Protein backbone atom coordinates (compact mmCIF):
# COMPACT_ATOMS: atom_id res chain seq x y z
CA MET A 1 -0.05 -0.11 -0.13
CA ILE A 2 0.85 3.40 -0.86
CA THR A 3 -0.22 6.37 1.43
CA ASN A 4 1.40 9.58 -0.52
CA PHE A 5 0.82 8.97 -3.93
CA GLN A 6 2.05 12.30 -5.55
CA ALA A 7 -0.42 13.86 -8.01
CA PHE A 8 0.93 15.49 -11.18
CA GLY A 9 4.36 13.54 -10.18
CA LEU A 10 5.97 11.67 -12.96
CA VAL A 11 4.01 8.21 -12.51
CA HIS A 12 0.91 10.24 -12.42
CA ILE A 13 1.43 11.94 -15.73
CA ILE A 14 2.97 8.51 -17.48
CA SER A 15 -0.54 6.88 -16.31
CA ILE A 16 -2.60 9.55 -17.69
CA LEU A 17 -0.74 9.75 -20.98
CA SER A 18 -0.48 6.08 -21.46
CA ALA A 19 -4.16 5.98 -21.48
CA VAL A 20 -4.14 8.78 -23.77
CA PHE A 21 -1.89 6.94 -25.88
CA ILE A 22 -3.83 3.87 -26.42
CA GLY A 23 -7.10 5.87 -27.04
CA VAL A 24 -5.32 7.70 -29.85
CA VAL A 25 -4.00 4.44 -31.49
CA PHE A 26 -7.59 3.06 -31.75
CA ILE A 27 -8.69 6.46 -32.96
CA VAL A 28 -6.14 6.40 -35.88
CA LEU A 29 -7.00 2.77 -36.62
CA ALA A 30 -10.66 3.40 -36.78
CA THR A 31 -10.09 6.46 -38.96
CA LYS A 32 -7.72 4.72 -41.28
CA LEU A 33 -9.56 1.32 -41.37
CA PRO A 34 -13.13 2.11 -41.28
CA GLN A 35 -14.19 -1.05 -42.90
CA LYS A 36 -12.80 -2.59 -39.60
CA LEU A 37 -14.70 -0.33 -37.47
CA LYS A 38 -16.80 -2.87 -35.59
CA VAL A 39 -13.58 -4.92 -35.00
CA ILE A 40 -11.58 -1.99 -33.56
CA SER A 41 -14.68 -0.93 -31.48
CA LEU A 42 -14.62 -4.43 -29.95
CA LEU A 43 -10.91 -4.56 -29.36
CA PHE A 44 -10.92 -0.94 -27.65
CA ALA A 45 -14.00 -2.17 -25.35
CA ILE A 46 -11.88 -5.07 -24.50
CA THR A 47 -8.94 -3.26 -23.72
CA ILE A 48 -10.97 -0.95 -21.18
CA PHE A 49 -12.48 -3.92 -19.64
CA ILE A 50 -8.94 -5.47 -19.31
CA ILE A 51 -7.61 -2.48 -17.65
CA ARG A 52 -10.25 -2.39 -15.05
CA ALA A 53 -10.49 -5.94 -14.47
CA ILE A 54 -6.79 -6.29 -13.53
CA ARG A 55 -7.54 -3.90 -10.54
CA TYR A 56 -10.07 -6.23 -9.48
CA VAL A 57 -7.48 -8.98 -9.68
CA PHE A 58 -5.29 -7.18 -7.39
CA ASP A 59 -8.14 -6.57 -5.11
CA ILE A 60 -8.79 -10.31 -5.16
CA LYS A 61 -5.47 -11.28 -3.99
CA ILE A 62 -5.41 -9.10 -1.19
CA GLY A 63 -8.94 -9.93 -0.25
CA THR A 64 -10.76 -6.59 -0.40
CA PHE A 65 -12.69 -7.71 -3.52
CA SER A 66 -16.71 -7.99 -3.23
CA PRO A 67 -18.79 -8.98 -6.24
CA ILE A 68 -20.78 -6.11 -5.08
CA ASP A 69 -17.96 -3.87 -6.30
CA LEU A 70 -19.03 -4.88 -10.01
CA LEU A 71 -23.06 -3.17 -9.21
CA SER A 72 -21.56 -0.35 -7.40
CA PRO A 73 -24.06 2.71 -8.18
CA ASN A 74 -20.94 5.32 -8.59
CA VAL A 75 -20.97 7.36 -11.72
CA CYS A 76 -17.66 5.76 -13.13
CA ASN A 77 -18.80 2.45 -12.67
CA ILE A 78 -22.21 3.15 -14.61
CA ASP A 79 -20.31 4.98 -17.22
CA LEU A 80 -17.97 2.03 -17.55
CA TYR A 81 -20.99 -0.38 -18.60
CA ILE A 82 -22.57 2.45 -20.65
CA LEU A 83 -19.50 2.95 -22.69
CA LEU A 84 -18.53 -0.67 -23.33
CA ILE A 85 -22.32 -1.21 -24.73
CA CYS A 86 -21.97 1.75 -26.89
CA LEU A 87 -18.97 0.81 -28.39
CA LEU A 88 -20.33 -2.20 -29.26
CA LYS A 89 -23.57 -0.98 -30.41
CA PRO A 90 -23.25 2.80 -31.22
CA ASN A 91 -26.39 4.71 -29.66
CA ARG A 92 -26.86 8.53 -29.56
CA LYS A 93 -28.34 8.46 -26.29
CA LEU A 94 -26.13 6.24 -24.52
CA PHE A 95 -23.10 8.35 -26.14
CA THR A 96 -24.69 11.62 -24.69
CA PHE A 97 -24.32 10.05 -21.15
CA VAL A 98 -20.72 8.81 -21.30
CA PHE A 99 -19.58 12.29 -22.87
CA LEU A 100 -21.38 14.89 -20.80
CA ILE A 101 -21.36 12.82 -17.66
CA GLY A 102 -18.62 10.10 -18.05
CA ILE A 103 -15.90 12.66 -19.15
CA PRO A 104 -15.86 15.35 -16.13
CA THR A 105 -16.70 12.46 -13.88
CA ALA A 106 -13.90 10.02 -14.82
CA LEU A 107 -11.36 13.11 -15.65
CA SER A 108 -11.76 14.54 -12.26
CA VAL A 109 -10.99 11.12 -10.60
CA ALA A 110 -8.14 10.78 -12.81
CA LEU A 111 -6.58 14.18 -12.33
CA MET A 112 -7.21 13.80 -8.22
CA PRO A 113 -6.78 10.34 -7.67
CA GLY A 114 -6.02 10.70 -4.19
CA LYS A 115 -2.97 9.64 -1.80
CA ILE A 116 -3.91 6.21 -0.85
CA HIS A 117 -3.75 3.07 -2.92
CA PRO A 118 -3.74 -0.42 -1.67
CA ASP A 119 -1.66 -3.38 -2.77
CA PRO A 120 0.38 -3.72 -4.53
CA GLY A 121 0.65 0.12 -4.25
CA LEU A 122 2.01 1.78 -7.41
CA ALA A 123 1.04 -0.28 -9.86
CA ARG A 124 -2.62 -0.32 -8.56
CA ALA A 125 -2.51 3.47 -8.62
CA VAL A 126 -1.09 3.72 -12.39
CA LEU A 127 -4.22 1.04 -12.89
CA PHE A 128 -6.61 3.05 -11.24
CA ILE A 129 -5.56 6.45 -13.34
CA MET A 130 -5.40 4.65 -16.46
CA SER A 131 -8.92 2.62 -16.40
CA HIS A 132 -10.60 6.22 -15.60
CA MET A 133 -8.99 7.93 -18.49
CA MET A 134 -9.90 5.39 -20.81
CA LEU A 135 -13.45 5.97 -19.79
CA VAL A 136 -12.68 9.68 -21.09
CA MET A 137 -10.78 8.18 -24.25
CA GLY A 138 -13.51 6.19 -25.07
CA ALA A 139 -16.06 8.78 -25.18
CA LEU A 140 -13.66 10.64 -27.42
CA PHE A 141 -13.33 7.87 -29.58
CA LEU A 142 -17.27 7.72 -29.99
CA GLN A 143 -17.61 11.23 -31.00
CA LEU A 144 -14.64 11.47 -33.26
CA ILE A 145 -15.51 8.39 -35.35
CA TYR A 146 -19.20 8.20 -35.17
CA ARG A 147 -19.92 12.06 -35.07
CA PHE A 148 -22.96 11.75 -32.77
CA LYS A 149 -24.88 15.04 -32.22
CA ILE A 150 -25.81 16.35 -28.69
CA THR A 151 -28.61 18.55 -28.79
CA THR A 152 -29.63 21.45 -26.42
CA LYS A 153 -32.43 19.45 -25.15
CA ASP A 154 -29.86 16.93 -24.23
CA LEU A 155 -27.72 19.58 -22.61
CA LYS A 156 -30.94 21.20 -20.37
CA PHE A 157 -31.71 17.74 -19.35
CA TYR A 158 -28.30 16.75 -18.05
CA TYR A 159 -28.59 20.55 -15.95
CA ILE A 160 -31.68 19.16 -14.26
CA ILE A 161 -30.41 15.41 -13.49
CA SER A 162 -26.87 17.00 -12.42
CA ALA A 163 -28.48 19.65 -10.07
CA ILE A 164 -30.85 16.76 -8.51
CA GLY A 165 -28.01 14.39 -8.20
CA ILE A 166 -26.05 17.02 -6.48
CA ILE A 167 -28.71 17.63 -3.94
CA LEU A 168 -29.27 13.88 -3.12
CA VAL A 169 -25.49 13.20 -3.04
CA TYR A 170 -25.34 16.08 -0.53
CA ILE A 171 -27.77 14.91 1.64
CA PHE A 172 -26.28 11.38 1.64
CA ASP A 173 -22.88 12.49 2.22
CA ARG A 174 -24.34 14.34 5.45
CA ILE A 175 -26.29 11.36 6.75
CA SER A 176 -23.36 9.13 6.18
CA ASN A 177 -20.68 11.42 6.99
CA SER A 178 -18.86 10.80 3.68
CA ASN A 179 -17.86 13.05 0.77
CA PHE A 180 -18.82 11.47 -2.25
CA MET A 181 -18.35 13.85 -5.57
CA TYR A 182 -16.19 16.04 -2.62
CA LEU A 183 -19.31 17.97 -1.63
CA THR A 184 -18.51 18.10 1.78
CA SER A 185 -14.88 19.44 1.31
CA GLY A 186 -12.26 19.47 -1.19
CA PRO A 187 -9.28 17.13 -1.50
CA LYS A 188 -6.35 18.93 0.65
CA GLY A 189 -4.04 20.87 -1.48
CA THR A 190 -6.40 21.25 -4.59
CA ILE A 191 -8.49 24.11 -6.02
CA LEU A 192 -11.68 22.46 -4.56
CA ALA A 193 -9.97 22.91 -1.20
CA SER A 194 -9.26 26.45 -1.36
CA LEU A 195 -13.02 26.89 -2.78
CA PHE A 196 -14.47 25.42 0.09
CA GLU A 197 -11.97 27.49 2.59
CA HIS A 198 -13.20 30.74 0.79
CA LEU A 199 -16.85 30.31 0.00
CA GLY A 200 -18.06 28.26 2.71
CA PRO A 201 -20.12 24.72 2.70
CA VAL A 202 -23.22 26.31 1.11
CA PHE A 203 -21.76 28.09 -1.78
CA TYR A 204 -18.97 25.57 -2.23
CA VAL A 205 -21.49 22.94 -3.33
CA PHE A 206 -23.37 25.57 -5.51
CA ALA A 207 -19.94 26.51 -7.24
CA ILE A 208 -19.35 22.91 -8.12
CA TYR A 209 -22.74 22.93 -9.53
CA LEU A 210 -21.65 25.81 -11.77
CA LEU A 211 -18.52 24.12 -12.48
CA LEU A 212 -20.45 20.90 -13.75
CA ILE A 213 -22.52 22.71 -15.83
CA SER A 214 -19.81 24.82 -17.33
CA LEU A 215 -18.11 21.44 -18.02
CA PHE A 216 -21.31 20.22 -19.87
CA SER A 217 -21.56 23.47 -21.83
CA GLY A 218 -17.75 23.10 -22.86
CA LEU A 219 -18.19 19.51 -23.94
CA TYR A 220 -21.34 20.55 -25.72
CA PHE A 221 -19.66 23.11 -27.88
CA ILE A 222 -16.78 20.95 -28.46
CA SER A 223 -18.99 17.92 -29.62
CA LYS A 224 -20.88 20.65 -31.71
CA LYS A 225 -17.63 21.61 -33.25
CA ILE A 226 -16.59 17.78 -33.94
CA LYS A 227 -19.77 17.18 -35.50
CA ASN A 228 -19.52 20.19 -37.86
CA LEU A 229 -16.27 18.72 -38.91
CA SER A 230 -18.42 16.25 -40.71
CA SER A 231 -21.99 15.42 -42.13
CA ASP A 232 -21.64 11.81 -41.11
CA LYS A 233 -24.32 10.54 -38.54
CA ILE A 234 -25.28 7.45 -36.64
CA ALA A 235 -28.60 7.74 -34.95
């Protein structure tokens, strides 16, 4: 186990770039070999699954794995399953979730992976970061290759859903004395911790929501820009 993993240290950066590299390889392959797109998408889905599965193998070896972990309702776990389904059977509505919800959630975990990682320590930390970055790259793969369209109606829907979700998670955090989505405090040494210190608990949660919908809006415009580069569609 390690208890002092260094955020944005060499290992952290290499872990992120490794996932980005894998994603770029599949994007290039899909671009160059469109006739093999189904096979490439399948191989990409398998790669994402294997990276996550190796983490579970580590947990099994030290006795911390539970089958319930596979059914965990956390956003990244849900995003993983939806992404894998979408890679195997492309669908615009499923894509909208993995792009608008999956990217900011998985990216925030990959960028702020925490200091404590169980055995085998560094190796598990690397896979933890990579598995979350692969969720980001999977969503980008779907957008760049399939050119899905995200509508303003989709955007408004996720504005509302995220507001409801934050309220429910905040209530749960308070009742259970936990800190899902960092709603009761920010990780030490991060910008979220500074926001919490300066804004206080109420305005801090509101700031988190504003940050989230700003990310949604940014991703929406990025998706729109990519979509405009091509007239290809898959509904």
